[in-house]
């Protein structure tokens, strides 16, 4: 379903959540609980059509670098690695 208005999306979600909770399946109830926690963000998407996929990708790359950060002796090396992997490091090459 695609909704252009936040109110319509909210009504659809509420009806769906109630019917899903009536199933009394623990896994479904857990999923509905997770979706309810993130409800505002999901409803905002119906209005603005903006997602943060790029930011999540950068964050994932930074977390991977951070996991291997023990071998960096200085913060500048850590920062350079992040900038390099996120394509923001200017190597001065033309």
PDB file of N, CA and C in Angstrom:
ATOM      1  N   UNK A   1       0.833  -1.182   0.000  1.00  0.00           N
ATOM      2  CA  UNK A   1       0.000   0.000   0.000  1.00  0.00           C
ATOM      3  C   UNK A   1       0.880   1.248   0.000  1.00  0.00           C
ATOM      4  N   UNK A   2       0.494   2.226  -0.769  1.00  0.00           N
ATOM      5  CA  UNK A   2       1.202   3.496  -0.818  1.00  0.00           C
ATOM      6  C   UNK A   2       0.242   4.601  -0.381  1.00  0.00           C
ATOM      7  N   UNK A   3       0.659   5.360   0.603  1.00  0.00           N
ATOM      8  CA  UNK A   3      -0.152   6.458   1.102  1.00  0.00           C
ATOM      9  C   UNK A   3       0.617   7.768   0.959  1.00  0.00           C
ATOM     10  N   UNK A   4      -0.079   8.799   0.494  1.00  0.00           N
ATOM     11  CA  UNK A   4       0.528  10.122   0.370  1.00  0.00           C
ATOM     12  C   UNK A   4       0.280  10.978   1.598  1.00  0.00           C
ATOM     13  N   UNK A   5      -0.714  10.595   2.397  1.00  0.00           N
ATOM     14  CA  UNK A   5      -1.085  11.375   3.569  1.00  0.00           C
ATOM     15  C   UNK A   5      -0.797  10.594   4.835  1.00  0.00           C
ATOM     16  N   UNK A   6      -0.182  11.284   5.764  1.00  0.00           N
ATOM     17  CA  UNK A   6       0.224  10.656   7.020  1.00  0.00           C
ATOM     18  C   UNK A   6      -0.987  10.123   7.800  1.00  0.00           C
ATOM     19  N   UNK A   7      -2.097  10.861   7.787  1.00  0.00           N
ATOM     20  CA  UNK A   7      -3.299  10.442   8.511  1.00  0.00           C
ATOM     21  C   UNK A   7      -3.863   9.132   7.981  1.00  0.00           C
ATOM     22  N   UNK A   8      -3.896   8.992   6.665  1.00  0.00           N
ATOM     23  CA  UNK A   8      -4.411   7.759   6.054  1.00  0.00           C
ATOM     24  C   UNK A   8      -3.495   6.585   6.368  1.00  0.00           C
ATOM     25  N   UNK A   9      -2.203   6.820   6.307  1.00  0.00           N
ATOM     26  CA  UNK A   9      -1.240   5.763   6.637  1.00  0.00           C
ATOM     27  C   UNK A   9      -1.379   5.364   8.105  1.00  0.00           C
ATOM     28  N   UNK A  10      -1.594   6.342   8.973  1.00  0.00           N
ATOM     29  CA  UNK A  10      -1.754   6.076  10.403  1.00  0.00           C
ATOM     30  C   UNK A  10      -2.998   5.222  10.662  1.00  0.00           C
ATOM     31  N   UNK A  11      -4.111   5.568  10.010  1.00  0.00           N
ATOM     32  CA  UNK A  11      -5.342   4.785  10.188  1.00  0.00           C
ATOM     33  C   UNK A  11      -5.155   3.359   9.698  1.00  0.00           C
ATOM     34  N   UNK A  12      -4.516   3.205   8.521  1.00  0.00           N
ATOM     35  CA  UNK A  12      -4.268   1.861   8.004  1.00  0.00           C
ATOM     36  C   UNK A  12      -3.402   1.058   8.968  1.00  0.00           C
ATOM     37  N   UNK A  13      -2.337   1.681   9.474  1.00  0.00           N
ATOM     38  CA  UNK A  13      -1.433   0.976  10.388  1.00  0.00           C
ATOM     39  C   UNK A  13      -2.156   0.559  11.660  1.00  0.00           C
ATOM     40  N   UNK A  14      -2.972   1.457  12.220  1.00  0.00           N
ATOM     41  CA  UNK A  14      -3.688   1.129  13.455  1.00  0.00           C
ATOM     42  C   UNK A  14      -4.628  -0.050  13.262  1.00  0.00           C
ATOM     43  N   UNK A  15      -5.382  -0.062  12.166  1.00  0.00           N
ATOM     44  CA  UNK A  15      -6.292  -1.177  11.876  1.00  0.00           C
ATOM     45  C   UNK A  15      -5.496  -2.461  11.688  1.00  0.00           C
ATOM     46  N   UNK A  16      -4.398  -2.370  10.942  1.00  0.00           N
ATOM     47  CA  UNK A  16      -3.571  -3.555  10.706  1.00  0.00           C
ATOM     48  C   UNK A  16      -2.975  -4.081  12.012  1.00  0.00           C
ATOM     49  N   UNK A  17      -2.464  -3.184  12.854  1.00  0.00           N
ATOM     50  CA  UNK A  17      -1.832  -3.601  14.111  1.00  0.00           C
ATOM     51  C   UNK A  17      -2.837  -4.298  15.024  1.00  0.00           C
ATOM     52  N   UNK A  18      -4.050  -3.759  15.092  1.00  0.00           N
ATOM     53  CA  UNK A  18      -5.075  -4.388  15.939  1.00  0.00           C
ATOM     54  C   UNK A  18      -5.400  -5.789  15.427  1.00  0.00           C
ATOM     55  N   UNK A  19      -5.580  -5.928  14.121  1.00  0.00           N
ATOM     56  CA  UNK A  19      -5.904  -7.256  13.573  1.00  0.00           C
ATOM     57  C   UNK A  19      -4.724  -8.213  13.720  1.00  0.00           C
ATOM     58  N   UNK A  20      -3.497  -7.713  13.606  1.00  0.00           N
ATOM     59  CA  UNK A  20      -2.327  -8.575  13.780  1.00  0.00           C
ATOM     60  C   UNK A  20      -2.202  -9.038  15.230  1.00  0.00           C
ATOM     61  N   UNK A  21      -2.505  -8.153  16.172  1.00  0.00           N
ATOM     62  CA  UNK A  21      -2.440  -8.525  17.591  1.00  0.00           C
ATOM     63  C   UNK A  21      -3.515  -9.547  17.945  1.00  0.00           C
ATOM     64  N   UNK A  22      -4.626  -9.547  17.236  1.00  0.00           N
ATOM     65  CA  UNK A  22      -5.702 -10.526  17.481  1.00  0.00           C
ATOM     66  C   UNK A  22      -5.279 -11.939  17.129  1.00  0.00           C
ATOM     67  N   UNK A  23      -4.233 -12.073  16.322  1.00  0.00           N
ATOM     68  CA  UNK A  23      -3.761 -13.413  15.960  1.00  0.00           C
ATOM     69  C   UNK A  23      -3.224 -14.161  17.172  1.00  0.00           C
ATOM     70  N   UNK A  24      -2.815 -13.430  18.194  1.00  0.00           N
ATOM     71  CA  UNK A  24      -2.275 -13.972  19.443  1.00  0.00           C
ATOM     72  C   UNK A  24      -1.042 -14.853  19.225  1.00  0.00           C
ATOM     73  N   UNK A  25      -0.347 -14.614  18.135  1.00  0.00           N
ATOM     74  CA  UNK A  25       0.921 -15.301  17.897  1.00  0.00           C
ATOM     75  C   UNK A  25       2.031 -14.441  18.486  1.00  0.00           C
ATOM     76  N   UNK A  26       2.853 -15.033  19.329  1.00  0.00           N
ATOM     77  CA  UNK A  26       3.879 -14.261  20.056  1.00  0.00           C
ATOM     78  C   UNK A  26       4.838 -13.549  19.101  1.00  0.00           C
ATOM     79  N   UNK A  27       5.254 -14.211  18.037  1.00  0.00           N
ATOM     80  CA  UNK A  27       6.194 -13.607  17.099  1.00  0.00           C
ATOM     81  C   UNK A  27       5.560 -12.405  16.392  1.00  0.00           C
ATOM     82  N   UNK A  28       4.306 -12.539  15.993  1.00  0.00           N
ATOM     83  CA  UNK A  28       3.608 -11.429  15.341  1.00  0.00           C
ATOM     84  C   UNK A  28       3.458 -10.265  16.313  1.00  0.00           C
ATOM     85  N   UNK A  29       3.117 -10.562  17.574  1.00  0.00           N
ATOM     86  CA  UNK A  29       2.988  -9.510  18.587  1.00  0.00           C
ATOM     87  C   UNK A  29       4.313  -8.774  18.787  1.00  0.00           C
ATOM     88  N   UNK A  30       5.412  -9.522  18.725  1.00  0.00           N
ATOM     89  CA  UNK A  30       6.737  -8.914  18.869  1.00  0.00           C
ATOM     90  C   UNK A  30       7.026  -7.972  17.694  1.00  0.00           C
ATOM     91  N   UNK A  31       6.719  -8.416  16.486  1.00  0.00           N
ATOM     92  CA  UNK A  31       6.942  -7.588  15.292  1.00  0.00           C
ATOM     93  C   UNK A  31       6.081  -6.333  15.350  1.00  0.00           C
ATOM     94  N   UNK A  32       4.827  -6.475  15.750  1.00  0.00           N
ATOM     95  CA  UNK A  32       3.938  -5.314  15.859  1.00  0.00           C
ATOM     96  C   UNK A  32       4.495  -4.331  16.880  1.00  0.00           C
ATOM     97  N   UNK A  33       5.010  -4.845  18.003  1.00  0.00           N
ATOM     98  CA  UNK A  33       5.614  -3.977  19.015  1.00  0.00           C
ATOM     99  C   UNK A  33       6.783  -3.182  18.467  1.00  0.00           C
ATOM    100  N   UNK A  34       7.631  -3.832  17.673  1.00  0.00           N
ATOM    101  CA  UNK A  34       8.775  -3.154  17.055  1.00  0.00           C
ATOM    102  C   UNK A  34       8.292  -2.082  16.085  1.00  0.00           C
ATOM    103  N   UNK A  35       7.287  -2.425  15.275  1.00  0.00           N
ATOM    104  CA  UNK A  35       6.759  -1.459  14.309  1.00  0.00           C
ATOM    105  C   UNK A  35       6.097  -0.274  15.004  1.00  0.00           C
ATOM    106  N   UNK A  36       5.455  -0.520  16.136  1.00  0.00           N
ATOM    107  CA  UNK A  36       4.829   0.577  16.875  1.00  0.00           C
ATOM    108  C   UNK A  36       5.895   1.523  17.425  1.00  0.00           C
ATOM    109  N   UNK A  37       7.021   0.975  17.891  1.00  0.00           N
ATOM    110  CA  UNK A  37       8.103   1.828  18.401  1.00  0.00           C
ATOM    111  C   UNK A  37       8.630   2.765  17.320  1.00  0.00           C
ATOM    112  N   UNK A  38       8.667   2.298  16.085  1.00  0.00           N
ATOM    113  CA  UNK A  38       9.199   3.078  14.966  1.00  0.00           C
ATOM    114  C   UNK A  38       8.090   3.703  14.120  1.00  0.00           C
ATOM    115  N   UNK A  39       6.908   3.792  14.672  1.00  0.00           N
ATOM    116  CA  UNK A  39       5.734   4.230  13.901  1.00  0.00           C
ATOM    117  C   UNK A  39       5.895   5.629  13.318  1.00  0.00           C
ATOM    118  N   UNK A  40       6.380   6.568  14.094  1.00  0.00           N
ATOM    119  CA  UNK A  40       6.490   7.951  13.597  1.00  0.00           C
ATOM    120  C   UNK A  40       7.409   8.050  12.389  1.00  0.00           C
ATOM    121  N   UNK A  41       8.538   7.370  12.425  1.00  0.00           N
ATOM    122  CA  UNK A  41       9.456   7.395  11.289  1.00  0.00           C
ATOM    123  C   UNK A  41       8.836   6.788  10.045  1.00  0.00           C
ATOM    124  N   UNK A  42       8.127   5.698  10.224  1.00  0.00           N
ATOM    125  CA  UNK A  42       7.473   5.054   9.084  1.00  0.00           C
ATOM    126  C   UNK A  42       6.373   5.945   8.512  1.00  0.00           C
ATOM    127  N   UNK A  43       5.624   6.601   9.391  1.00  0.00           N
ATOM    128  CA  UNK A  43       4.566   7.486   8.912  1.00  0.00           C
ATOM    129  C   UNK A  43       5.142   8.731   8.243  1.00  0.00           C
ATOM    130  N   UNK A  44       6.262   9.227   8.744  1.00  0.00           N
ATOM    131  CA  UNK A  44       6.903  10.380   8.098  1.00  0.00           C
ATOM    132  C   UNK A  44       7.341  10.036   6.683  1.00  0.00           C
ATOM    133  N   UNK A  45       7.762   8.797   6.473  1.00  0.00           N
ATOM    134  CA  UNK A  45       8.169   8.385   5.127  1.00  0.00           C
ATOM    135  C   UNK A  45       7.002   8.484   4.151  1.00  0.00           C
ATOM    136  N   UNK A  46       5.787   8.175   4.604  1.00  0.00           N
ATOM    137  CA  UNK A  46       4.631   8.252   3.706  1.00  0.00           C
ATOM    138  C   UNK A  46       4.411   9.676   3.217  1.00  0.00           C
ATOM    139  N   UNK A  47       4.849  10.652   4.004  1.00  0.00           N
ATOM    140  CA  UNK A  47       4.657  12.052   3.630  1.00  0.00           C
ATOM    141  C   UNK A  47       5.856  12.627   2.879  1.00  0.00           C
ATOM    142  N   UNK A  48       7.074  12.310   3.325  1.00  0.00           N
ATOM    143  CA  UNK A  48       8.270  12.975   2.797  1.00  0.00           C
ATOM    144  C   UNK A  48       9.086  12.146   1.811  1.00  0.00           C
ATOM    145  N   UNK A  49       8.946  10.840   1.837  1.00  0.00           N
ATOM    146  CA  UNK A  49       9.678   9.922   0.940  1.00  0.00           C
ATOM    147  C   UNK A  49      11.198  10.081   1.054  1.00  0.00           C
ATOM    148  N   UNK A  50      11.666  10.344   2.268  1.00  0.00           N
ATOM    149  CA  UNK A  50      13.104  10.480   2.510  1.00  0.00           C
ATOM    150  C   UNK A  50      13.547   9.336   3.416  1.00  0.00           C
ATOM    151  N   UNK A  51      14.631   8.674   3.035  1.00  0.00           N
ATOM    152  CA  UNK A  51      15.176   7.604   3.868  1.00  0.00           C
ATOM    153  C   UNK A  51      16.634   7.905   4.175  1.00  0.00           C
ATOM    154  N   UNK A  52      17.176   7.246   5.169  1.00  0.00           N
ATOM    155  CA  UNK A  52      18.548   7.515   5.588  1.00  0.00           C
ATOM    156  C   UNK A  52      19.488   6.361   5.237  1.00  0.00           C
ATOM    157  N   UNK A  53      19.288   5.770   4.079  1.00  0.00           N
ATOM    158  CA  UNK A  53      20.105   4.640   3.665  1.00  0.00           C
ATOM    159  C   UNK A  53      21.576   5.011   3.564  1.00  0.00           C
ATOM    160  N   UNK A  54      21.882   6.172   3.021  1.00  0.00           N
ATOM    161  CA  UNK A  54      23.283   6.591   2.892  1.00  0.00           C
ATOM    162  C   UNK A  54      23.931   6.740   4.259  1.00  0.00           C
ATOM    163  N   UNK A  55      23.225   7.373   5.167  1.00  0.00           N
ATOM    164  CA  UNK A  55      23.768   7.550   6.521  1.00  0.00           C
ATOM    165  C   UNK A  55      23.985   6.204   7.194  1.00  0.00           C
ATOM    166  N   UNK A  56      23.064   5.278   7.015  1.00  0.00           N
ATOM    167  CA  UNK A  56      23.217   3.947   7.601  1.00  0.00           C
ATOM    168  C   UNK A  56      24.413   3.223   6.984  1.00  0.00           C
ATOM    169  N   UNK A  57      24.625   3.404   5.691  1.00  0.00           N
ATOM    170  CA  UNK A  57      25.778   2.784   5.036  1.00  0.00           C
ATOM    171  C   UNK A  57      27.090   3.324   5.574  1.00  0.00           C
ATOM    172  N   UNK A  58      27.165   4.649   5.734  1.00  0.00           N
ATOM    173  CA  UNK A  58      28.374   5.250   6.309  1.00  0.00           C
ATOM    174  C   UNK A  58      28.577   4.767   7.743  1.00  0.00           C
ATOM    175  N   UNK A  59      27.501   4.719   8.508  1.00  0.00           N
ATOM    176  CA  UNK A  59      27.605   4.273   9.897  1.00  0.00           C
ATOM    177  C   UNK A  59      28.093   2.830   9.966  1.00  0.00           C
ATOM    178  N   UNK A  60      27.612   1.989   9.087  1.00  0.00           N
ATOM    179  CA  UNK A  60      28.047   0.594   9.053  1.00  0.00           C
ATOM    180  C   UNK A  60      29.542   0.492   8.743  1.00  0.00           C
ATOM    181  N   UNK A  61      30.003   1.280   7.769  1.00  0.00           N
ATOM    182  CA  UNK A  61      31.434   1.278   7.426  1.00  0.00           C
ATOM    183  C   UNK A  61      32.271   1.783   8.598  1.00  0.00           C
ATOM    184  N   UNK A  62      31.808   2.820   9.270  1.00  0.00           N
ATOM    185  CA  UNK A  62      32.544   3.378  10.410  1.00  0.00           C
ATOM    186  C   UNK A  62      32.593   2.372  11.558  1.00  0.00           C
ATOM    187  N   UNK A  63      31.496   1.664  11.793  1.00  0.00           N
ATOM    188  CA  UNK A  63      31.484   0.660  12.858  1.00  0.00           C
ATOM    189  C   UNK A  63      32.461  -0.470  12.566  1.00  0.00           C
ATOM    190  N   UNK A  64      32.580  -0.848  11.309  1.00  0.00           N
ATOM    191  CA  UNK A  64      33.544  -1.887  10.931  1.00  0.00           C
ATOM    192  C   UNK A  64      34.974  -1.405  11.155  1.00  0.00           C
ATOM    193  N   UNK A  65      35.247  -0.171  10.782  1.00  0.00           N
ATOM    194  CA  UNK A  65      36.574   0.411  11.007  1.00  0.00           C
ATOM    195  C   UNK A  65      36.834   0.525  12.503  1.00  0.00           C
ATOM    196  N   UNK A  66      35.828   0.920  13.253  1.00  0.00           N
ATOM    197  CA  UNK A  66      35.959   1.061  14.702  1.00  0.00           C
ATOM    198  C   UNK A  66      36.287  -0.285  15.354  1.00  0.00           C
ATOM    199  N   UNK A  67      35.693  -1.364  14.834  1.00  0.00           N
ATOM    200  CA  UNK A  67      35.963  -2.696  15.379  1.00  0.00           C
ATOM    201  C   UNK A  67      37.429  -3.081  15.201  1.00  0.00           C
ATOM    202  N   UNK A  68      38.060  -2.547  14.158  1.00  0.00           N
ATOM    203  CA  UNK A  68      39.472  -2.836  13.887  1.00  0.00           C
ATOM    204  C   UNK A  68      40.387  -1.710  14.341  1.00  0.00           C
ATOM    205  N   UNK A  69      39.880  -0.784  15.137  1.00  0.00           N
ATOM    206  CA  UNK A  69      40.617   0.428  15.488  1.00  0.00           C
ATOM    207  C   UNK A  69      41.768   0.197  16.456  1.00  0.00           C
ATOM    208  N   UNK A  70      41.887  -0.954  17.027  1.00  0.00           N
ATOM    209  CA  UNK A  70      42.955  -1.197  17.993  1.00  0.00           C
ATOM    210  C   UNK A  70      44.342  -1.029  17.391  1.00  0.00           C
ATOM    211  N   UNK A  71      44.451  -1.206  16.096  1.00  0.00           N
ATOM    212  CA  UNK A  71      45.771  -1.081  15.479  1.00  0.00           C
ATOM    213  C   UNK A  71      46.152   0.358  15.145  1.00  0.00           C
ATOM    214  N   UNK A  72      45.244   1.308  15.354  1.00  0.00           N
ATOM    215  CA  UNK A  72      45.561   2.709  15.106  1.00  0.00           C
ATOM    216  C   UNK A  72      46.180   3.321  16.354  1.00  0.00           C
ATOM    217  N   UNK A  73      47.327   3.971  16.186  1.00  0.00           N
ATOM    218  CA  UNK A  73      48.001   4.586  17.326  1.00  0.00           C
ATOM    219  C   UNK A  73      47.503   5.994  17.598  1.00  0.00           C
ATOM    220  N   UNK A  74      46.980   6.647  16.578  1.00  0.00           N
ATOM    221  CA  UNK A  74      46.536   8.029  16.710  1.00  0.00           C
ATOM    222  C   UNK A  74      45.153   8.193  16.084  1.00  0.00           C
ATOM    223  N   UNK A  75      44.384   9.129  16.631  1.00  0.00           N
ATOM    224  CA  UNK A  75      43.045   9.396  16.112  1.00  0.00           C
ATOM    225  C   UNK A  75      43.095   9.842  14.660  1.00  0.00           C
ATOM    226  N   UNK A  76      44.135  10.561  14.274  1.00  0.00           N
ATOM    227  CA  UNK A  76      44.218  11.047  12.892  1.00  0.00           C
ATOM    228  C   UNK A  76      44.256   9.885  11.897  1.00  0.00           C
ATOM    229  N   UNK A  77      44.900   8.788  12.274  1.00  0.00           N
ATOM    230  CA  UNK A  77      44.917   7.609  11.399  1.00  0.00           C
ATOM    231  C   UNK A  77      43.521   6.996  11.280  1.00  0.00           C
ATOM    232  N   UNK A  78      42.819   6.941  12.400  1.00  0.00           N
ATOM    233  CA  UNK A  78      41.445   6.423  12.436  1.00  0.00           C
ATOM    234  C   UNK A  78      40.539   7.293  11.560  1.00  0.00           C
ATOM    235  N   UNK A  79      40.686   8.606  11.712  1.00  0.00           N
ATOM    236  CA  UNK A  79      39.881   9.554  10.929  1.00  0.00           C
ATOM    237  C   UNK A  79      40.193   9.421   9.438  1.00  0.00           C
ATOM    238  N   UNK A  80      41.450   9.300   9.097  1.00  0.00           N
ATOM    239  CA  UNK A  80      41.846   9.171   7.695  1.00  0.00           C
ATOM    240  C   UNK A  80      41.246   7.908   7.082  1.00  0.00           C
ATOM    241  N   UNK A  81      41.232   6.838   7.840  1.00  0.00           N
ATOM    242  CA  UNK A  81      40.667   5.583   7.333  1.00  0.00           C
ATOM    243  C   UNK A  81      39.165   5.725   7.083  1.00  0.00           C
ATOM    244  N   UNK A  82      38.478   6.398   8.003  1.00  0.00           N
ATOM    245  CA  UNK A  82      37.039   6.623   7.818  1.00  0.00           C
ATOM    246  C   UNK A  82      36.796   7.462   6.570  1.00  0.00           C
ATOM    247  N   UNK A  83      37.541   8.556   6.431  1.00  0.00           N
ATOM    248  CA  UNK A  83      37.365   9.422   5.271  1.00  0.00           C
ATOM    249  C   UNK A  83      37.700   8.696   3.971  1.00  0.00           C
ATOM    250  N   UNK A  84      38.719   7.859   4.001  1.00  0.00           N
ATOM    251  CA  UNK A  84      39.107   7.109   2.809  1.00  0.00           C
ATOM    252  C   UNK A  84      37.992   6.153   2.385  1.00  0.00           C
ATOM    253  N   UNK A  85      37.471   5.406   3.339  1.00  0.00           N
ATOM    254  CA  UNK A  85      36.445   4.415   3.008  1.00  0.00           C
ATOM    255  C   UNK A  85      35.099   5.045   2.669  1.00  0.00           C
ATOM    256  N   UNK A  86      34.854   6.244   3.128  1.00  0.00           N
ATOM    257  CA  UNK A  86      33.595   6.927   2.808  1.00  0.00           C
ATOM    258  C   UNK A  86      33.761   7.879   1.630  1.00  0.00           C
ATOM    259  N   UNK A  87      34.863   7.750   0.896  1.00  0.00           N
ATOM    260  CA  UNK A  87      35.148   8.550  -0.304  1.00  0.00           C
ATOM    261  C   UNK A  87      35.168  10.058  -0.029  1.00  0.00           C
ATOM    262  N   UNK A  88      35.631  10.459   1.117  1.00  0.00           N
ATOM    263  CA  UNK A  88      35.698  11.883   1.445  1.00  0.00           C
ATOM    264  C   UNK A  88      37.143  12.345   1.646  1.00  0.00           C
ATOM    265  N   UNK A  89      38.105  11.514   1.324  1.00  0.00           N
ATOM    266  CA  UNK A  89      39.499  11.860   1.515  1.00  0.00           C
ATOM    267  C   UNK A  89      40.084  12.355   0.196  1.00  0.00           C
ATOM    268  N   UNK A  90      40.579  13.571   0.204  1.00  0.00           N
ATOM    269  CA  UNK A  90      41.189  14.147  -0.970  1.00  0.00           C
ATOM    270  C   UNK A  90      42.677  13.794  -0.940  1.00  0.00           C
ATOM    271  N   UNK A  91      43.077  12.951  -1.855  1.00  0.00           N
ATOM    272  CA  UNK A  91      44.477  12.501  -1.892  1.00  0.00           C
ATOM    273  C   UNK A  91      45.370  13.470  -2.658  1.00  0.00           C
ATOM    274  N   UNK A  92      44.801  14.569  -3.142  1.00  0.00           N
ATOM    275  CA  UNK A  92      45.586  15.582  -3.837  1.00  0.00           C
ATOM    276  C   UNK A  92      45.967  15.164  -5.246  1.00  0.00           C
ATOM    277  N   UNK A  93      45.298  14.161  -5.785  1.00  0.00           N
ATOM    278  CA  UNK A  93      45.614  13.715  -7.137  1.00  0.00           C
ATOM    279  C   UNK A  93      44.627  14.350  -8.105  1.00  0.00           C
ATOM    280  N   UNK A  94      45.137  14.815  -9.223  1.00  0.00           N
ATOM    281  CA  UNK A  94      44.252  15.437 -10.218  1.00  0.00           C
ATOM    282  C   UNK A  94      44.056  14.538 -11.406  1.00  0.00           C
TER     283      UNK A  94
END
